[in-house]
N, C-alpha and C. Protein backbone atom coordinates (compact mmCIF):
# COMPACT_ATOMS: atom_id res chain seq x y z
N MET A 1 0.85 -1.18 0.00
CA MET A 1 0.00 0.00 0.00
C MET A 1 0.90 1.24 0.00
N ILE A 2 0.55 2.22 -0.81
CA ILE A 2 1.28 3.48 -0.87
C ILE A 2 0.38 4.59 -0.38
N ILE A 3 0.90 5.37 0.57
CA ILE A 3 0.12 6.49 1.10
C ILE A 3 0.95 7.77 1.00
N GLN A 4 0.27 8.89 0.86
CA GLN A 4 0.96 10.18 0.82
C GLN A 4 1.28 10.62 2.24
N VAL A 5 2.46 11.16 2.43
CA VAL A 5 2.87 11.70 3.72
C VAL A 5 2.09 12.98 3.95
N LYS A 6 1.39 13.05 5.06
CA LYS A 6 0.52 14.19 5.33
C LYS A 6 0.96 15.04 6.52
N SER A 7 1.88 14.53 7.34
CA SER A 7 2.27 15.29 8.52
C SER A 7 3.78 15.22 8.73
N LYS A 8 4.30 16.26 9.38
CA LYS A 8 5.73 16.31 9.68
C LYS A 8 6.15 15.18 10.61
N GLU A 9 5.21 14.65 11.36
CA GLU A 9 5.53 13.56 12.28
C GLU A 9 6.00 12.32 11.52
N GLN A 10 5.61 12.19 10.25
CA GLN A 10 6.01 11.04 9.44
C GLN A 10 7.41 11.19 8.83
N LEU A 11 7.98 12.38 8.91
CA LEU A 11 9.24 12.64 8.23
C LEU A 11 10.41 11.85 8.80
N ASN A 12 10.40 11.55 10.09
CA ASN A 12 11.48 10.74 10.67
C ASN A 12 11.48 9.34 10.07
N ILE A 13 10.30 8.79 9.82
CA ILE A 13 10.19 7.48 9.17
C ILE A 13 10.76 7.57 7.75
N CYS A 14 10.37 8.62 7.03
CA CYS A 14 10.87 8.83 5.67
C CYS A 14 12.39 8.92 5.66
N LEU A 15 12.94 9.72 6.57
CA LEU A 15 14.38 9.92 6.63
C LEU A 15 15.11 8.61 6.94
N GLU A 16 14.57 7.82 7.82
CA GLU A 16 15.20 6.54 8.16
C GLU A 16 15.26 5.63 6.93
N ILE A 17 14.18 5.58 6.17
CA ILE A 17 14.15 4.76 4.96
C ILE A 17 15.15 5.30 3.93
N ILE A 18 15.16 6.61 3.72
CA ILE A 18 16.06 7.22 2.75
C ILE A 18 17.51 6.91 3.11
N ARG A 19 17.88 7.22 4.33
CA ARG A 19 19.29 7.04 4.73
C ARG A 19 19.70 5.58 4.74
N SER A 20 18.84 4.70 5.23
CA SER A 20 19.16 3.27 5.26
C SER A 20 19.28 2.69 3.85
N SER A 21 18.49 3.20 2.94
CA SER A 21 18.51 2.71 1.56
C SER A 21 19.71 3.25 0.79
N PHE A 22 19.97 4.52 0.91
CA PHE A 22 21.02 5.14 0.11
C PHE A 22 22.43 4.90 0.66
N ILE A 23 22.54 4.47 1.91
CA ILE A 23 23.88 4.21 2.46
C ILE A 23 24.54 3.04 1.73
N THR A 24 23.74 2.11 1.22
CA THR A 24 24.32 0.99 0.46
C THR A 24 24.91 1.50 -0.86
N VAL A 25 24.25 2.47 -1.47
CA VAL A 25 24.76 3.07 -2.71
C VAL A 25 26.04 3.86 -2.40
N ALA A 26 26.01 4.62 -1.31
CA ALA A 26 27.19 5.38 -0.91
C ALA A 26 28.38 4.44 -0.72
N GLY A 27 28.15 3.33 -0.05
CA GLY A 27 29.22 2.37 0.17
C GLY A 27 29.75 1.79 -1.13
N GLU A 28 28.85 1.46 -2.04
CA GLU A 28 29.23 0.87 -3.32
C GLU A 28 30.11 1.81 -4.15
N PHE A 29 29.85 3.12 -4.04
CA PHE A 29 30.57 4.09 -4.85
C PHE A 29 31.59 4.91 -4.05
N GLY A 30 31.86 4.49 -2.81
CA GLY A 30 32.88 5.15 -2.01
C GLY A 30 32.53 6.57 -1.61
N LEU A 31 31.25 6.84 -1.43
CA LEU A 31 30.79 8.19 -1.07
C LEU A 31 30.68 8.30 0.44
N THR A 32 31.30 9.32 0.99
CA THR A 32 31.28 9.55 2.43
C THR A 32 30.73 10.94 2.71
N GLU A 33 30.48 11.22 3.98
CA GLU A 33 30.04 12.57 4.34
C GLU A 33 31.13 13.60 4.04
N ASN A 34 32.38 13.15 4.00
CA ASN A 34 33.48 14.08 3.70
C ASN A 34 33.59 14.37 2.21
N ASN A 35 33.54 13.32 1.36
CA ASN A 35 33.74 13.57 -0.07
C ASN A 35 32.45 13.83 -0.84
N CYS A 36 31.30 13.61 -0.19
CA CYS A 36 30.02 13.85 -0.88
C CYS A 36 28.91 14.11 0.14
N PRO A 37 29.01 15.20 0.92
CA PRO A 37 28.00 15.46 1.94
C PRO A 37 26.60 15.68 1.38
N ALA A 38 26.49 16.01 0.08
CA ALA A 38 25.18 16.26 -0.52
C ALA A 38 24.47 14.97 -0.95
N HIS A 39 25.16 13.82 -0.83
CA HIS A 39 24.52 12.58 -1.26
C HIS A 39 23.32 12.26 -0.36
N THR A 40 22.34 11.64 -0.95
CA THR A 40 21.08 11.34 -0.27
C THR A 40 21.28 10.48 0.98
N ALA A 41 22.32 9.68 1.04
CA ALA A 41 22.59 8.86 2.23
C ALA A 41 22.81 9.71 3.47
N TYR A 42 23.17 10.97 3.26
CA TYR A 42 23.48 11.86 4.38
C TYR A 42 22.46 13.00 4.52
N MET A 43 21.28 12.78 3.97
CA MET A 43 20.21 13.79 4.05
C MET A 43 19.91 14.12 5.51
N THR A 44 19.57 15.36 5.75
CA THR A 44 19.21 15.80 7.09
C THR A 44 17.70 15.96 7.21
N ILE A 45 17.23 15.93 8.43
CA ILE A 45 15.80 16.14 8.67
C ILE A 45 15.41 17.56 8.24
N ASP A 46 16.31 18.52 8.38
CA ASP A 46 16.01 19.90 7.97
C ASP A 46 15.75 19.98 6.47
N LYS A 47 16.55 19.29 5.67
CA LYS A 47 16.36 19.30 4.22
C LYS A 47 15.03 18.64 3.86
N LEU A 48 14.72 17.53 4.52
CA LEU A 48 13.46 16.84 4.25
C LEU A 48 12.27 17.70 4.68
N GLN A 49 12.38 18.37 5.81
CA GLN A 49 11.30 19.26 6.27
C GLN A 49 11.09 20.42 5.30
N LYS A 50 12.17 20.94 4.73
CA LYS A 50 12.04 22.03 3.75
C LYS A 50 11.29 21.54 2.52
N GLN A 51 11.61 20.33 2.06
CA GLN A 51 10.90 19.77 0.91
C GLN A 51 9.42 19.61 1.23
N PHE A 52 9.12 19.14 2.43
CA PHE A 52 7.73 18.98 2.87
C PHE A 52 7.03 20.34 2.92
N ASP A 53 7.71 21.32 3.52
CA ASP A 53 7.13 22.67 3.64
C ASP A 53 6.93 23.33 2.28
N ASP A 54 7.77 22.97 1.31
CA ASP A 54 7.64 23.51 -0.05
C ASP A 54 6.51 22.84 -0.83
N GLY A 55 5.83 21.87 -0.20
CA GLY A 55 4.68 21.23 -0.83
C GLY A 55 5.02 20.06 -1.73
N ARG A 56 6.21 19.52 -1.60
CA ARG A 56 6.61 18.39 -2.42
C ARG A 56 5.80 17.15 -2.00
N PRO A 57 5.08 16.52 -2.94
CA PRO A 57 4.36 15.29 -2.59
C PRO A 57 5.35 14.18 -2.22
N MET A 58 5.12 13.56 -1.05
CA MET A 58 5.96 12.50 -0.54
C MET A 58 5.10 11.28 -0.27
N PHE A 59 5.68 10.10 -0.49
CA PHE A 59 4.91 8.87 -0.38
C PHE A 59 5.69 7.79 0.36
N LEU A 60 4.96 7.00 1.14
CA LEU A 60 5.53 5.85 1.83
C LEU A 60 4.88 4.57 1.33
N PHE A 61 5.69 3.54 1.17
CA PHE A 61 5.22 2.21 0.78
C PHE A 61 5.16 1.38 2.05
N TYR A 62 3.98 0.86 2.34
CA TYR A 62 3.78 0.01 3.52
C TYR A 62 3.55 -1.43 3.10
N GLN A 63 4.15 -2.33 3.86
CA GLN A 63 3.90 -3.76 3.69
C GLN A 63 3.72 -4.33 5.09
N ASP A 64 2.60 -4.99 5.30
CA ASP A 64 2.28 -5.54 6.62
C ASP A 64 2.40 -4.47 7.71
N ALA A 65 1.87 -3.30 7.43
CA ALA A 65 1.82 -2.16 8.35
C ALA A 65 3.20 -1.61 8.72
N VAL A 66 4.23 -1.94 7.93
CA VAL A 66 5.58 -1.45 8.17
C VAL A 66 6.02 -0.63 6.95
N SER A 67 6.60 0.54 7.20
CA SER A 67 7.11 1.39 6.12
C SER A 67 8.43 0.82 5.61
N ILE A 68 8.48 0.53 4.30
CA ILE A 68 9.70 -0.06 3.74
C ILE A 68 10.17 0.64 2.46
N GLY A 69 9.42 1.65 2.01
CA GLY A 69 9.80 2.37 0.80
C GLY A 69 9.36 3.81 0.85
N TYR A 70 10.01 4.63 0.03
CA TYR A 70 9.74 6.06 0.02
C TYR A 70 10.08 6.63 -1.35
N PHE A 71 9.36 7.68 -1.75
CA PHE A 71 9.75 8.53 -2.88
C PHE A 71 9.03 9.86 -2.77
N SER A 72 9.54 10.84 -3.49
CA SER A 72 8.86 12.12 -3.57
C SER A 72 8.85 12.59 -5.01
N LEU A 73 8.03 13.58 -5.27
CA LEU A 73 7.92 14.18 -6.59
C LEU A 73 8.16 15.68 -6.47
N ALA A 74 8.82 16.25 -7.47
CA ALA A 74 9.05 17.69 -7.51
C ALA A 74 8.59 18.21 -8.86
N LYS A 75 7.80 19.27 -8.83
CA LYS A 75 7.28 19.84 -10.06
C LYS A 75 8.37 20.66 -10.75
N CYS A 76 8.67 20.31 -12.00
CA CYS A 76 9.66 21.03 -12.81
C CYS A 76 8.98 22.07 -13.69
N SER A 77 7.82 21.70 -14.22
CA SER A 77 7.03 22.59 -15.08
C SER A 77 5.60 22.06 -15.05
N ASP A 78 4.71 22.69 -15.80
CA ASP A 78 3.32 22.21 -15.83
C ASP A 78 3.24 20.78 -16.34
N ASN A 79 4.18 20.39 -17.20
CA ASN A 79 4.12 19.07 -17.82
C ASN A 79 5.08 18.04 -17.23
N GLU A 80 6.11 18.50 -16.53
CA GLU A 80 7.16 17.58 -16.09
C GLU A 80 7.33 17.58 -14.57
N TRP A 81 7.48 16.37 -14.04
CA TRP A 81 7.75 16.17 -12.62
C TRP A 81 8.99 15.31 -12.49
N GLU A 82 9.75 15.57 -11.42
CA GLU A 82 10.95 14.79 -11.16
C GLU A 82 10.69 13.81 -10.02
N LEU A 83 11.08 12.57 -10.24
CA LEU A 83 11.01 11.53 -9.21
C LEU A 83 12.27 11.63 -8.38
N ASN A 84 12.11 11.78 -7.07
CA ASN A 84 13.26 11.95 -6.18
C ASN A 84 13.30 10.88 -5.09
N ASN A 85 14.52 10.49 -4.77
CA ASN A 85 14.80 9.67 -3.58
C ASN A 85 14.00 8.38 -3.50
N LEU A 86 13.79 7.73 -4.65
CA LEU A 86 13.13 6.43 -4.63
C LEU A 86 13.98 5.48 -3.80
N ALA A 87 13.42 4.97 -2.72
CA ALA A 87 14.18 4.18 -1.77
C ALA A 87 13.39 2.97 -1.30
N VAL A 88 14.05 1.83 -1.28
CA VAL A 88 13.49 0.60 -0.72
C VAL A 88 14.52 0.06 0.26
N LEU A 89 14.09 -0.25 1.47
CA LEU A 89 15.03 -0.80 2.45
C LEU A 89 15.72 -2.02 1.85
N PRO A 90 17.03 -2.15 2.06
CA PRO A 90 17.81 -3.22 1.42
C PRO A 90 17.23 -4.62 1.54
N GLU A 91 16.71 -4.96 2.69
CA GLU A 91 16.18 -6.31 2.90
C GLU A 91 14.87 -6.57 2.16
N HIS A 92 14.29 -5.54 1.58
CA HIS A 92 13.02 -5.68 0.85
C HIS A 92 13.19 -5.45 -0.66
N ARG A 93 14.42 -5.36 -1.12
CA ARG A 93 14.67 -5.14 -2.55
C ARG A 93 14.47 -6.42 -3.35
N HIS A 94 14.25 -6.24 -4.65
CA HIS A 94 14.12 -7.33 -5.62
C HIS A 94 12.81 -8.10 -5.47
N PHE A 95 11.79 -7.43 -4.96
CA PHE A 95 10.46 -8.03 -4.86
C PHE A 95 9.41 -7.20 -5.60
N GLY A 96 9.85 -6.25 -6.43
CA GLY A 96 8.93 -5.46 -7.23
C GLY A 96 8.42 -4.19 -6.56
N ILE A 97 8.93 -3.86 -5.38
CA ILE A 97 8.44 -2.68 -4.65
C ILE A 97 8.85 -1.40 -5.37
N GLY A 98 10.09 -1.32 -5.82
CA GLY A 98 10.55 -0.14 -6.54
C GLY A 98 9.74 0.09 -7.80
N LYS A 99 9.49 -0.98 -8.54
CA LYS A 99 8.68 -0.88 -9.76
C LYS A 99 7.26 -0.40 -9.42
N ALA A 100 6.69 -0.93 -8.35
CA ALA A 100 5.35 -0.50 -7.94
C ALA A 100 5.34 0.98 -7.59
N MET A 101 6.39 1.46 -6.93
CA MET A 101 6.45 2.88 -6.58
C MET A 101 6.63 3.75 -7.81
N VAL A 102 7.44 3.31 -8.78
CA VAL A 102 7.58 4.08 -10.03
C VAL A 102 6.24 4.14 -10.75
N ASN A 103 5.55 3.02 -10.82
CA ASN A 103 4.23 3.01 -11.47
C ASN A 103 3.25 3.93 -10.76
N TYR A 104 3.31 3.96 -9.44
CA TYR A 104 2.44 4.85 -8.68
C TYR A 104 2.82 6.32 -8.93
N ALA A 105 4.13 6.59 -8.99
CA ALA A 105 4.60 7.95 -9.28
C ALA A 105 4.09 8.41 -10.64
N VAL A 106 4.13 7.52 -11.63
CA VAL A 106 3.62 7.83 -12.96
C VAL A 106 2.13 8.17 -12.88
N LYS A 107 1.39 7.36 -12.14
CA LYS A 107 -0.05 7.60 -11.96
C LYS A 107 -0.31 8.97 -11.32
N MET A 108 0.50 9.30 -10.31
CA MET A 108 0.32 10.59 -9.63
C MET A 108 0.66 11.76 -10.57
N VAL A 109 1.76 11.64 -11.32
CA VAL A 109 2.15 12.70 -12.25
C VAL A 109 1.03 12.93 -13.26
N LYS A 110 0.45 11.85 -13.78
CA LYS A 110 -0.69 11.99 -14.71
C LYS A 110 -1.85 12.71 -14.03
N SER A 111 -2.11 12.36 -12.76
CA SER A 111 -3.24 12.99 -12.05
C SER A 111 -2.98 14.47 -11.81
N TYR A 112 -1.70 14.88 -11.77
CA TYR A 112 -1.34 16.29 -11.61
C TYR A 112 -1.33 17.02 -12.95
N GLY A 113 -1.64 16.31 -14.04
CA GLY A 113 -1.67 16.91 -15.36
C GLY A 113 -0.34 16.86 -16.10
N GLY A 114 0.62 16.13 -15.55
CA GLY A 114 1.92 16.03 -16.19
C GLY A 114 1.95 14.95 -17.26
N ASN A 115 2.91 15.08 -18.18
CA ASN A 115 3.06 14.06 -19.22
C ASN A 115 4.51 13.57 -19.35
N LYS A 116 5.34 13.95 -18.36
CA LYS A 116 6.73 13.50 -18.38
C LYS A 116 7.23 13.37 -16.94
N ILE A 117 8.01 12.32 -16.70
CA ILE A 117 8.64 12.13 -15.39
C ILE A 117 10.13 11.96 -15.64
N SER A 118 10.93 12.66 -14.84
CA SER A 118 12.38 12.61 -15.03
C SER A 118 13.06 12.18 -13.73
N ILE A 119 14.32 11.79 -13.86
CA ILE A 119 15.09 11.36 -12.70
C ILE A 119 16.57 11.61 -12.96
N GLY A 120 17.29 11.86 -11.90
CA GLY A 120 18.75 11.97 -11.96
C GLY A 120 19.34 10.83 -11.14
N ILE A 121 20.35 10.17 -11.70
CA ILE A 121 20.99 9.03 -11.02
C ILE A 121 22.51 9.16 -11.12
N ILE A 122 23.20 8.33 -10.36
CA ILE A 122 24.64 8.21 -10.53
C ILE A 122 24.86 7.49 -11.85
N GLU A 123 25.45 8.18 -12.80
CA GLU A 123 25.62 7.63 -14.15
C GLU A 123 26.39 6.31 -14.13
N GLU A 124 27.35 6.21 -13.26
CA GLU A 124 28.17 5.00 -13.17
C GLU A 124 27.41 3.80 -12.59
N ASN A 125 26.23 4.02 -12.07
CA ASN A 125 25.42 2.94 -11.52
C ASN A 125 24.65 2.27 -12.66
N THR A 126 25.35 1.45 -13.42
CA THR A 126 24.75 0.85 -14.61
C THR A 126 23.60 -0.09 -14.27
N LYS A 127 23.66 -0.73 -13.13
CA LYS A 127 22.56 -1.61 -12.72
C LYS A 127 21.26 -0.81 -12.56
N LEU A 128 21.36 0.33 -11.90
CA LEU A 128 20.19 1.18 -11.70
C LEU A 128 19.73 1.79 -13.03
N LYS A 129 20.68 2.25 -13.83
CA LYS A 129 20.33 2.82 -15.13
C LYS A 129 19.58 1.80 -15.99
N ASN A 130 20.08 0.57 -16.03
CA ASN A 130 19.41 -0.48 -16.81
C ASN A 130 18.02 -0.79 -16.27
N TRP A 131 17.85 -0.71 -14.95
CA TRP A 131 16.55 -0.95 -14.33
C TRP A 131 15.55 0.11 -14.81
N TYR A 132 15.96 1.37 -14.80
CA TYR A 132 15.08 2.44 -15.27
C TYR A 132 14.80 2.31 -16.77
N LEU A 133 15.79 1.89 -17.54
CA LEU A 133 15.56 1.66 -18.97
C LEU A 133 14.48 0.61 -19.18
N LYS A 134 14.50 -0.46 -18.38
CA LYS A 134 13.49 -1.51 -18.48
C LYS A 134 12.10 -0.99 -18.11
N LEU A 135 12.05 0.05 -17.30
CA LEU A 135 10.77 0.64 -16.90
C LEU A 135 10.28 1.70 -17.89
N GLY A 136 11.00 1.85 -19.00
CA GLY A 136 10.55 2.76 -20.05
C GLY A 136 11.17 4.13 -20.03
N PHE A 137 12.17 4.35 -19.17
CA PHE A 137 12.86 5.63 -19.16
C PHE A 137 13.89 5.65 -20.28
N ASN A 138 14.18 6.83 -20.78
CA ASN A 138 15.22 7.03 -21.79
C ASN A 138 16.35 7.84 -21.17
N HIS A 139 17.57 7.46 -21.50
CA HIS A 139 18.73 8.22 -21.04
C HIS A 139 18.84 9.47 -21.90
N ILE A 140 18.89 10.64 -21.27
CA ILE A 140 18.85 11.91 -21.99
C ILE A 140 20.23 12.57 -22.06
N SER A 141 20.91 12.66 -20.92
CA SER A 141 22.19 13.37 -20.89
C SER A 141 22.94 13.04 -19.61
N THR A 142 24.16 13.57 -19.54
CA THR A 142 24.96 13.47 -18.33
C THR A 142 25.52 14.85 -18.01
N ARG A 143 25.88 15.01 -16.75
CA ARG A 143 26.48 16.27 -16.35
C ARG A 143 27.39 16.04 -15.16
N LYS A 144 28.52 16.69 -15.17
CA LYS A 144 29.46 16.62 -14.06
C LYS A 144 29.31 17.89 -13.24
N PHE A 145 29.10 17.72 -11.92
CA PHE A 145 28.99 18.85 -11.00
C PHE A 145 30.24 18.89 -10.14
N LYS A 146 30.77 20.09 -9.89
CA LYS A 146 32.01 20.24 -9.11
C LYS A 146 31.88 19.66 -7.70
N HIS A 147 30.68 19.75 -7.11
CA HIS A 147 30.51 19.32 -5.72
C HIS A 147 30.23 17.82 -5.59
N LEU A 148 30.16 17.09 -6.71
CA LEU A 148 29.87 15.65 -6.67
C LEU A 148 31.02 14.85 -7.28
N PRO A 149 31.43 13.76 -6.62
CA PRO A 149 32.53 12.95 -7.15
C PRO A 149 32.07 11.88 -8.15
N PHE A 150 30.96 12.11 -8.78
CA PHE A 150 30.44 11.20 -9.80
C PHE A 150 29.71 12.02 -10.85
N THR A 151 29.40 11.39 -11.96
CA THR A 151 28.64 12.02 -13.03
C THR A 151 27.16 11.75 -12.79
N VAL A 152 26.33 12.76 -13.01
CA VAL A 152 24.88 12.59 -12.89
C VAL A 152 24.31 12.26 -14.26
N GLY A 153 23.54 11.19 -14.32
CA GLY A 153 22.83 10.81 -15.54
C GLY A 153 21.38 11.23 -15.43
N PHE A 154 20.86 11.80 -16.49
CA PHE A 154 19.47 12.24 -16.50
C PHE A 154 18.65 11.34 -17.41
N MET A 155 17.50 10.92 -16.89
CA MET A 155 16.62 10.03 -17.63
C MET A 155 15.21 10.60 -17.55
N GLU A 156 14.39 10.26 -18.53
CA GLU A 156 13.00 10.69 -18.50
C GLU A 156 12.11 9.67 -19.19
N LYS A 157 10.85 9.78 -18.87
CA LYS A 157 9.84 8.90 -19.45
C LYS A 157 8.65 9.75 -19.86
N GLU A 158 8.29 9.64 -21.12
CA GLU A 158 7.08 10.30 -21.61
C GLU A 158 5.89 9.45 -21.17
N LEU A 159 4.84 10.09 -20.68
CA LEU A 159 3.69 9.37 -20.17
C LEU A 159 2.55 9.40 -21.18
N ASN A 160 1.98 8.25 -21.43
CA ASN A 160 0.82 8.17 -22.29
C ASN A 160 -0.42 8.54 -21.49
N SER A 161 -1.35 9.16 -22.12
CA SER A 161 -2.59 9.56 -21.43
C SER A 161 -3.40 8.39 -20.99
């Protein structure tokens, strides 16, 4: 079951899922708080609260009344939304939860009147990139940022009505 986060009291649960999920990625790519403090594995409650206060739709995936997944959406334009921080707790991966959350995100973007969903990933994470390709995303471009020790890959998916 996927529910929208409606109160700040739920943000600690969201943060725990985000940090627990992304720390495995940080470890895989050698990202630490020193060499990449902006990585999602090191997100702060203040940053998450700002996103909530800015009206960013946030969602939790529940299984057996336990929160095990999270994602948020950010409006880029009237037609495009960005999928952010898609996270599944490591012990619950490879059971279709991520795919279910992407499908739900697509449904929500359509309900908001959007026709495109985009995402930014670690370009070197070929496993993740291939997963998004299988879900119908197209690789659009890459960009190197001075504050990040990796290349960011940008992907998007056009949504059918």
